[in-house]
């Protein structure tokens, strides 16, 4: 019996020793091993196409709101990057999306690719920072009321081709001079470079620059952060990788 007990003790001792050797080997001989509990993440949310209340195609404010809530609630997600490529959409849907972005308490950076105009630019303004490519289209601020028939510009003129009334005053949400406000309020569009000079854009750069700035605003190391994308698929929020 004593021999059997000794045998069991020896086997257990050897087993524990093997495990300890393996653990210490991993710690001392694999210096590149990193531990993340939890790993910091930056969430990318796309605002693509027409901004509309419809769920078929385009960017829907309810969908964006759901994705933003997911990014807000999950503690490992430290910041959000809005990838905007939209010429705008309906006034109501654009305003709803603006409000959804404005409610996010984590850092939000808007990255404008080819275009971020009209209602899409309104959404970008809700972010903490706007990064745009030099040749992107920004601005086109205001609203256009469309009529199903031609109306005159004033009562003394005969109706010809006028069938909409564009208007809209841009609020001074960034450091914009009075001269530039006058230019902007006319509803024109500008390149990203022009937008930077006018105060519409904070920085010229691409998506990588926006991600880097998001990490800085969140006070995290980009090297230790994982970049993920959030989207809706089959009525569920899906987290994917970023290429």
C-alpha atoms as a PDB file:
ATOM      1  CA  UNK A   1       0.000   0.000   0.000  1.00  0.00           C
ATOM      2  CA  UNK A   2       2.804   2.383   0.888  1.00  0.00           C
ATOM      3  CA  UNK A   3       4.473   1.664  -2.446  1.00  0.00           C
ATOM      4  CA  UNK A   4       1.213   2.447  -4.293  1.00  0.00           C
ATOM      5  CA  UNK A   5       0.808   5.740  -2.395  1.00  0.00           C
ATOM      6  CA  UNK A   6       4.373   6.683  -3.140  1.00  0.00           C
ATOM      7  CA  UNK A   7       3.795   5.887  -6.803  1.00  0.00           C
ATOM      8  CA  UNK A   8       0.719   8.115  -6.928  1.00  0.00           C
ATOM      9  CA  UNK A   9       2.560  10.949  -5.190  1.00  0.00           C
ATOM     10  CA  UNK A  10       5.430  10.672  -7.643  1.00  0.00           C
ATOM     11  CA  UNK A  11       3.059  10.706 -10.633  1.00  0.00           C
ATOM     12  CA  UNK A  12       1.184  13.771  -9.306  1.00  0.00           C
ATOM     13  CA  UNK A  13       4.441  15.576  -8.535  1.00  0.00           C
ATOM     14  CA  UNK A  14       5.797  14.909 -12.019  1.00  0.00           C
ATOM     15  CA  UNK A  15       2.506  16.054 -13.586  1.00  0.00           C
ATOM     16  CA  UNK A  16       2.495  19.341 -11.635  1.00  0.00           C
ATOM     17  CA  UNK A  17       6.164  19.907 -12.455  1.00  0.00           C
ATOM     18  CA  UNK A  18       5.495  19.477 -16.186  1.00  0.00           C
ATOM     19  CA  UNK A  19       2.672  22.037 -16.041  1.00  0.00           C
ATOM     20  CA  UNK A  20       4.796  24.547 -14.142  1.00  0.00           C
ATOM     21  CA  UNK A  21       7.673  24.126 -16.575  1.00  0.00           C
ATOM     22  CA  UNK A  22       5.316  24.784 -19.471  1.00  0.00           C
ATOM     23  CA  UNK A  23       3.875  27.920 -17.875  1.00  0.00           C
ATOM     24  CA  UNK A  24       7.246  29.401 -16.996  1.00  0.00           C
ATOM     25  CA  UNK A  25       8.585  28.581 -20.444  1.00  0.00           C
ATOM     26  CA  UNK A  26       5.717  30.526 -22.045  1.00  0.00           C
ATOM     27  CA  UNK A  27       6.365  33.510 -19.778  1.00  0.00           C
ATOM     28  CA  UNK A  28      10.130  33.681 -20.165  1.00  0.00           C
ATOM     29  CA  UNK A  29      10.795  32.316 -23.627  1.00  0.00           C
ATOM     30  CA  UNK A  30       7.778  33.834 -25.471  1.00  0.00           C
ATOM     31  CA  UNK A  31       8.134  37.568 -24.754  1.00  0.00           C
ATOM     32  CA  UNK A  32       5.715  38.537 -27.550  1.00  0.00           C
ATOM     33  CA  UNK A  33       2.766  36.914 -25.778  1.00  0.00           C
ATOM     34  CA  UNK A  34       0.311  39.646 -24.678  1.00  0.00           C
ATOM     35  CA  UNK A  35      -2.654  39.406 -22.373  1.00  0.00           C
ATOM     36  CA  UNK A  36      -5.841  41.396 -23.039  1.00  0.00           C
ATOM     37  CA  UNK A  37      -8.581  41.415 -20.397  1.00  0.00           C
ATOM     38  CA  UNK A  38     -10.549  42.811 -22.138  1.00  0.00           C
ATOM     39  CA  UNK A  39      -8.852  43.965 -25.347  1.00  0.00           C
ATOM     40  CA  UNK A  40      -9.612  47.554 -26.344  1.00  0.00           C
ATOM     41  CA  UNK A  41     -11.642  47.945 -29.523  1.00  0.00           C
ATOM     42  CA  UNK A  42     -12.515  50.741 -31.937  1.00  0.00           C
ATOM     43  CA  UNK A  43     -15.865  50.232 -33.658  1.00  0.00           C
ATOM     44  CA  UNK A  44     -16.412  51.275 -37.267  1.00  0.00           C
ATOM     45  CA  UNK A  45     -19.983  52.053 -38.355  1.00  0.00           C
ATOM     46  CA  UNK A  46     -20.769  52.819 -41.998  1.00  0.00           C
ATOM     47  CA  UNK A  47     -23.172  55.572 -43.098  1.00  0.00           C
ATOM     48  CA  UNK A  48     -23.511  54.618 -46.746  1.00  0.00           C
ATOM     49  CA  UNK A  49     -25.959  55.858 -49.381  1.00  0.00           C
ATOM     50  CA  UNK A  50     -29.114  57.907 -48.978  1.00  0.00           C
ATOM     51  CA  UNK A  51     -30.180  58.706 -45.430  1.00  0.00           C
ATOM     52  CA  UNK A  52     -33.804  57.657 -45.172  1.00  0.00           C
ATOM     53  CA  UNK A  53     -36.337  56.186 -42.774  1.00  0.00           C
ATOM     54  CA  UNK A  54     -36.796  53.248 -45.148  1.00  0.00           C
ATOM     55  CA  UNK A  55     -35.009  50.018 -44.245  1.00  0.00           C
ATOM     56  CA  UNK A  56     -34.353  48.943 -47.827  1.00  0.00           C
ATOM     57  CA  UNK A  57     -30.983  50.285 -48.909  1.00  0.00           C
ATOM     58  CA  UNK A  58     -29.234  53.418 -47.790  1.00  0.00           C
ATOM     59  CA  UNK A  59     -28.567  54.505 -44.225  1.00  0.00           C
ATOM     60  CA  UNK A  60     -31.410  54.198 -41.745  1.00  0.00           C
ATOM     61  CA  UNK A  61     -31.280  56.213 -38.488  1.00  0.00           C
ATOM     62  CA  UNK A  62     -32.805  53.359 -36.464  1.00  0.00           C
ATOM     63  CA  UNK A  63     -30.114  50.972 -37.684  1.00  0.00           C
ATOM     64  CA  UNK A  64     -27.317  53.441 -36.939  1.00  0.00           C
ATOM     65  CA  UNK A  65     -28.832  54.117 -33.516  1.00  0.00           C
ATOM     66  CA  UNK A  66     -28.857  50.400 -32.697  1.00  0.00           C
ATOM     67  CA  UNK A  67     -25.211  50.040 -33.718  1.00  0.00           C
ATOM     68  CA  UNK A  68     -24.210  53.095 -31.688  1.00  0.00           C
ATOM     69  CA  UNK A  69     -25.989  51.729 -28.620  1.00  0.00           C
ATOM     70  CA  UNK A  70     -24.053  48.469 -28.997  1.00  0.00           C
ATOM     71  CA  UNK A  71     -20.773  50.377 -29.209  1.00  0.00           C
ATOM     72  CA  UNK A  72     -21.771  52.494 -26.215  1.00  0.00           C
ATOM     73  CA  UNK A  73     -22.764  49.600 -23.967  1.00  0.00           C
ATOM     74  CA  UNK A  74     -19.798  47.286 -24.539  1.00  0.00           C
ATOM     75  CA  UNK A  75     -16.967  48.348 -22.239  1.00  0.00           C
ATOM     76  CA  UNK A  76     -14.150  47.063 -24.483  1.00  0.00           C
ATOM     77  CA  UNK A  77     -15.258  49.421 -27.275  1.00  0.00           C
ATOM     78  CA  UNK A  78     -13.495  52.676 -26.462  1.00  0.00           C
ATOM     79  CA  UNK A  79     -14.327  54.792 -29.516  1.00  0.00           C
ATOM     80  CA  UNK A  80     -16.413  54.923 -32.697  1.00  0.00           C
ATOM     81  CA  UNK A  81     -15.446  55.868 -36.257  1.00  0.00           C
ATOM     82  CA  UNK A  82     -18.302  56.795 -38.588  1.00  0.00           C
ATOM     83  CA  UNK A  83     -17.331  55.926 -42.157  1.00  0.00           C
ATOM     84  CA  UNK A  84     -19.485  58.390 -44.128  1.00  0.00           C
ATOM     85  CA  UNK A  85     -20.081  58.127 -47.860  1.00  0.00           C
ATOM     86  CA  UNK A  86     -23.418  59.801 -48.454  1.00  0.00           C
ATOM     87  CA  UNK A  87     -24.867  62.789 -50.240  1.00  0.00           C
ATOM     88  CA  UNK A  88     -27.525  63.202 -47.564  1.00  0.00           C
ATOM     89  CA  UNK A  89     -31.194  62.346 -47.535  1.00  0.00           C
ATOM     90  CA  UNK A  90     -34.430  63.412 -45.919  1.00  0.00           C
ATOM     91  CA  UNK A  91     -34.311  66.153 -43.303  1.00  0.00           C
ATOM     92  CA  UNK A  92     -36.100  64.127 -40.614  1.00  0.00           C
ATOM     93  CA  UNK A  93     -33.932  61.018 -40.998  1.00  0.00           C
ATOM     94  CA  UNK A  94     -30.737  63.097 -41.062  1.00  0.00           C
ATOM     95  CA  UNK A  95     -31.765  64.925 -37.883  1.00  0.00           C
ATOM     96  CA  UNK A  96     -32.607  61.652 -36.126  1.00  0.00           C
ATOM     97  CA  UNK A  97     -29.198  60.256 -37.029  1.00  0.00           C
ATOM     98  CA  UNK A  98     -27.488  63.442 -35.879  1.00  0.00           C
ATOM     99  CA  UNK A  99     -29.192  63.135 -32.498  1.00  0.00           C
ATOM    100  CA  UNK A 100     -28.217  59.458 -32.209  1.00  0.00           C
ATOM    101  CA  UNK A 101     -24.544  60.306 -32.756  1.00  0.00           C
ATOM    102  CA  UNK A 102     -24.736  63.274 -30.409  1.00  0.00           C
ATOM    103  CA  UNK A 103     -25.928  61.042 -27.549  1.00  0.00           C
ATOM    104  CA  UNK A 104     -22.840  58.805 -27.663  1.00  0.00           C
ATOM    105  CA  UNK A 105     -20.622  59.589 -24.685  1.00  0.00           C
ATOM    106  CA  UNK A 106     -17.557  57.834 -26.097  1.00  0.00           C
ATOM    107  CA  UNK A 107     -15.250  59.569 -28.621  1.00  0.00           C
ATOM    108  CA  UNK A 108     -16.690  59.648 -32.148  1.00  0.00           C
ATOM    109  CA  UNK A 109     -14.690  60.536 -35.264  1.00  0.00           C
ATOM    110  CA  UNK A 110     -16.355  61.058 -38.647  1.00  0.00           C
ATOM    111  CA  UNK A 111     -14.335  59.869 -41.641  1.00  0.00           C
ATOM    112  CA  UNK A 112     -15.664  61.270 -44.928  1.00  0.00           C
ATOM    113  CA  UNK A 113     -14.647  59.251 -47.964  1.00  0.00           C
ATOM    114  CA  UNK A 114     -15.990  60.362 -51.354  1.00  0.00           C
ATOM    115  CA  UNK A 115     -18.797  62.539 -50.026  1.00  0.00           C
ATOM    116  CA  UNK A 116     -20.362  63.755 -46.817  1.00  0.00           C
ATOM    117  CA  UNK A 117     -22.805  66.416 -47.903  1.00  0.00           C
ATOM    118  CA  UNK A 118     -26.167  67.841 -46.884  1.00  0.00           C
ATOM    119  CA  UNK A 119     -27.795  65.605 -44.254  1.00  0.00           C
ATOM    120  CA  UNK A 120     -24.696  63.388 -44.138  1.00  0.00           C
ATOM    121  CA  UNK A 121     -22.593  66.396 -43.218  1.00  0.00           C
ATOM    122  CA  UNK A 122     -25.090  67.199 -40.467  1.00  0.00           C
ATOM    123  CA  UNK A 123     -24.421  63.710 -39.079  1.00  0.00           C
ATOM    124  CA  UNK A 124     -20.662  64.308 -39.289  1.00  0.00           C
ATOM    125  CA  UNK A 125     -21.011  67.556 -37.324  1.00  0.00           C
ATOM    126  CA  UNK A 126     -22.304  65.530 -34.353  1.00  0.00           C
ATOM    127  CA  UNK A 127     -18.913  63.778 -34.094  1.00  0.00           C
ATOM    128  CA  UNK A 128     -16.035  65.054 -31.976  1.00  0.00           C
ATOM    129  CA  UNK A 129     -13.840  65.379 -35.062  1.00  0.00           C
ATOM    130  CA  UNK A 130     -14.283  65.350 -38.838  1.00  0.00           C
ATOM    131  CA  UNK A 131     -11.566  63.868 -41.051  1.00  0.00           C
ATOM    132  CA  UNK A 132     -12.071  64.155 -44.818  1.00  0.00           C
ATOM    133  CA  UNK A 133     -10.091  63.188 -47.884  1.00  0.00           C
ATOM    134  CA  UNK A 134      -8.813  66.202 -49.877  1.00  0.00           C
ATOM    135  CA  UNK A 135     -11.108  65.647 -52.876  1.00  0.00           C
ATOM    136  CA  UNK A 136     -14.194  64.570 -50.954  1.00  0.00           C
ATOM    137  CA  UNK A 137     -17.445  66.538 -51.248  1.00  0.00           C
ATOM    138  CA  UNK A 138     -18.563  68.293 -48.076  1.00  0.00           C
ATOM    139  CA  UNK A 139     -21.084  71.002 -47.250  1.00  0.00           C
ATOM    140  CA  UNK A 140     -24.241  71.493 -49.330  1.00  0.00           C
ATOM    141  CA  UNK A 141     -25.877  72.658 -46.121  1.00  0.00           C
ATOM    142  CA  UNK A 142     -29.554  73.513 -46.041  1.00  0.00           C
ATOM    143  CA  UNK A 143     -32.899  72.097 -47.084  1.00  0.00           C
ATOM    144  CA  UNK A 144     -34.817  72.020 -50.333  1.00  0.00           C
ATOM    145  CA  UNK A 145     -38.599  72.005 -50.427  1.00  0.00           C
ATOM    146  CA  UNK A 146     -39.809  70.314 -53.605  1.00  0.00           C
ATOM    147  CA  UNK A 147     -43.139  71.110 -55.286  1.00  0.00           C
ATOM    148  CA  UNK A 148     -45.074  68.904 -57.702  1.00  0.00           C
ATOM    149  CA  UNK A 149     -45.648  71.947 -59.964  1.00  0.00           C
ATOM    150  CA  UNK A 150     -43.779  75.047 -61.125  1.00  0.00           C
ATOM    151  CA  UNK A 151     -44.153  78.204 -59.058  1.00  0.00           C
ATOM    152  CA  UNK A 152     -42.805  81.714 -59.686  1.00  0.00           C
ATOM    153  CA  UNK A 153     -39.916  83.130 -57.655  1.00  0.00           C
ATOM    154  CA  UNK A 154     -42.244  85.998 -56.719  1.00  0.00           C
ATOM    155  CA  UNK A 155     -45.803  86.910 -57.440  1.00  0.00           C
ATOM    156  CA  UNK A 156     -44.884  89.255 -60.304  1.00  0.00           C
ATOM    157  CA  UNK A 157     -43.119  86.588 -62.378  1.00  0.00           C
ATOM    158  CA  UNK A 158     -44.594  83.880 -64.524  1.00  0.00           C
ATOM    159  CA  UNK A 159     -43.880  80.286 -63.480  1.00  0.00           C
ATOM    160  CA  UNK A 160     -41.168  78.718 -65.615  1.00  0.00           C
ATOM    161  CA  UNK A 161     -38.654  76.269 -64.204  1.00  0.00           C
ATOM    162  CA  UNK A 162     -38.570  77.004 -60.482  1.00  0.00           C
ATOM    163  CA  UNK A 163     -39.993  74.033 -58.595  1.00  0.00           C
ATOM    164  CA  UNK A 164     -38.044  74.076 -55.337  1.00  0.00           C
ATOM    165  CA  UNK A 165     -37.098  76.549 -52.619  1.00  0.00           C
ATOM    166  CA  UNK A 166     -33.625  75.878 -51.214  1.00  0.00           C
ATOM    167  CA  UNK A 167     -32.733  77.517 -47.921  1.00  0.00           C
ATOM    168  CA  UNK A 168     -30.952  76.916 -44.690  1.00  0.00           C
ATOM    169  CA  UNK A 169     -28.648  78.707 -42.295  1.00  0.00           C
ATOM    170  CA  UNK A 170     -25.628  76.868 -40.928  1.00  0.00           C
ATOM    171  CA  UNK A 171     -25.160  77.163 -37.174  1.00  0.00           C
ATOM    172  CA  UNK A 172     -21.695  78.101 -35.919  1.00  0.00           C
ATOM    173  CA  UNK A 173     -20.842  74.652 -34.526  1.00  0.00           C
ATOM    174  CA  UNK A 174     -17.120  75.046 -35.350  1.00  0.00           C
ATOM    175  CA  UNK A 175     -14.681  77.945 -35.699  1.00  0.00           C
ATOM    176  CA  UNK A 176     -16.057  79.525 -38.861  1.00  0.00           C
ATOM    177  CA  UNK A 177     -15.663  83.177 -39.840  1.00  0.00           C
ATOM    178  CA  UNK A 178     -18.647  85.362 -40.718  1.00  0.00           C
ATOM    179  CA  UNK A 179     -17.431  85.510 -44.317  1.00  0.00           C
ATOM    180  CA  UNK A 180     -17.341  81.735 -44.627  1.00  0.00           C
ATOM    181  CA  UNK A 181     -20.733  81.381 -42.937  1.00  0.00           C
ATOM    182  CA  UNK A 182     -22.178  83.571 -45.697  1.00  0.00           C
ATOM    183  CA  UNK A 183     -20.626  81.316 -48.352  1.00  0.00           C
ATOM    184  CA  UNK A 184     -21.726  78.130 -46.603  1.00  0.00           C
ATOM    185  CA  UNK A 185     -25.303  79.287 -46.041  1.00  0.00           C
ATOM    186  CA  UNK A 186     -25.875  79.445 -49.794  1.00  0.00           C
ATOM    187  CA  UNK A 187     -25.981  75.657 -49.871  1.00  0.00           C
ATOM    188  CA  UNK A 188     -22.921  75.077 -52.040  1.00  0.00           C
ATOM    189  CA  UNK A 189     -20.575  72.114 -51.784  1.00  0.00           C
ATOM    190  CA  UNK A 190     -16.822  72.180 -51.285  1.00  0.00           C
ATOM    191  CA  UNK A 191     -13.871  69.835 -51.509  1.00  0.00           C
ATOM    192  CA  UNK A 192     -12.324  68.488 -48.342  1.00  0.00           C
ATOM    193  CA  UNK A 193      -9.371  70.861 -48.784  1.00  0.00           C
ATOM    194  CA  UNK A 194     -11.701  73.848 -49.105  1.00  0.00           C
ATOM    195  CA  UNK A 195     -13.721  72.603 -46.160  1.00  0.00           C
ATOM    196  CA  UNK A 196     -10.584  72.508 -44.015  1.00  0.00           C
ATOM    197  CA  UNK A 197      -9.776  76.141 -44.824  1.00  0.00           C
ATOM    198  CA  UNK A 198     -13.372  77.177 -44.132  1.00  0.00           C
ATOM    199  CA  UNK A 199     -13.655  75.344 -40.827  1.00  0.00           C
ATOM    200  CA  UNK A 200     -16.062  72.646 -41.990  1.00  0.00           C
ATOM    201  CA  UNK A 201     -13.434  69.917 -41.560  1.00  0.00           C
ATOM    202  CA  UNK A 202     -10.951  69.424 -38.726  1.00  0.00           C
ATOM    203  CA  UNK A 203      -8.315  67.451 -40.609  1.00  0.00           C
ATOM    204  CA  UNK A 204      -7.410  66.105 -44.048  1.00  0.00           C
ATOM    205  CA  UNK A 205      -6.798  62.371 -43.979  1.00  0.00           C
ATOM    206  CA  UNK A 206      -8.097  58.915 -44.739  1.00  0.00           C
ATOM    207  CA  UNK A 207      -9.753  56.177 -42.720  1.00  0.00           C
ATOM    208  CA  UNK A 208      -6.505  55.154 -41.020  1.00  0.00           C
ATOM    209  CA  UNK A 209      -5.999  58.726 -39.832  1.00  0.00           C
ATOM    210  CA  UNK A 210      -9.521  58.778 -38.398  1.00  0.00           C
ATOM    211  CA  UNK A 211      -8.893  55.509 -36.540  1.00  0.00           C
ATOM    212  CA  UNK A 212      -5.623  56.853 -35.161  1.00  0.00           C
ATOM    213  CA  UNK A 213      -7.347  60.026 -33.939  1.00  0.00           C
ATOM    214  CA  UNK A 214     -10.144  57.975 -32.362  1.00  0.00           C
ATOM    215  CA  UNK A 215      -7.543  56.030 -30.370  1.00  0.00           C
ATOM    216  CA  UNK A 216      -5.955  59.283 -29.206  1.00  0.00           C
ATOM    217  CA  UNK A 217      -9.293  60.721 -28.114  1.00  0.00           C
ATOM    218  CA  UNK A 218      -9.994  57.508 -26.184  1.00  0.00           C
ATOM    219  CA  UNK A 219      -6.509  57.572 -24.601  1.00  0.00           C
ATOM    220  CA  UNK A 220      -5.677  54.056 -25.758  1.00  0.00           C
ATOM    221  CA  UNK A 221      -2.762  52.576 -27.683  1.00  0.00           C
ATOM    222  CA  UNK A 222      -3.643  51.815 -31.287  1.00  0.00           C
ATOM    223  CA  UNK A 223      -1.114  48.957 -31.279  1.00  0.00           C
ATOM    224  CA  UNK A 224      -3.033  47.230 -28.490  1.00  0.00           C
ATOM    225  CA  UNK A 225      -6.482  47.916 -29.958  1.00  0.00           C
ATOM    226  CA  UNK A 226      -8.559  45.765 -32.270  1.00  0.00           C
ATOM    227  CA  UNK A 227     -10.467  47.458 -35.092  1.00  0.00           C
ATOM    228  CA  UNK A 228     -13.915  45.951 -35.647  1.00  0.00           C
ATOM    229  CA  UNK A 229     -16.897  46.733 -37.847  1.00  0.00           C
ATOM    230  CA  UNK A 230     -20.502  46.722 -36.671  1.00  0.00           C
ATOM    231  CA  UNK A 231     -23.414  45.987 -38.985  1.00  0.00           C
ATOM    232  CA  UNK A 232     -26.945  44.638 -38.892  1.00  0.00           C
ATOM    233  CA  UNK A 233     -27.459  41.181 -40.375  1.00  0.00           C
ATOM    234  CA  UNK A 234     -30.673  39.167 -40.009  1.00  0.00           C
ATOM    235  CA  UNK A 235     -31.916  41.708 -37.442  1.00  0.00           C
ATOM    236  CA  UNK A 236     -28.830  41.115 -35.283  1.00  0.00           C
ATOM    237  CA  UNK A 237     -25.767  43.239 -34.614  1.00  0.00           C
ATOM    238  CA  UNK A 238     -22.770  41.482 -36.146  1.00  0.00           C
ATOM    239  CA  UNK A 239     -19.188  42.306 -35.229  1.00  0.00           C
ATOM    240  CA  UNK A 240     -16.646  41.668 -37.959  1.00  0.00           C
ATOM    241  CA  UNK A 241     -13.024  42.335 -38.692  1.00  0.00           C
ATOM    242  CA  UNK A 242     -11.611  45.377 -40.431  1.00  0.00           C
ATOM    243  CA  UNK A 243      -9.467  45.128 -43.529  1.00  0.00           C
END
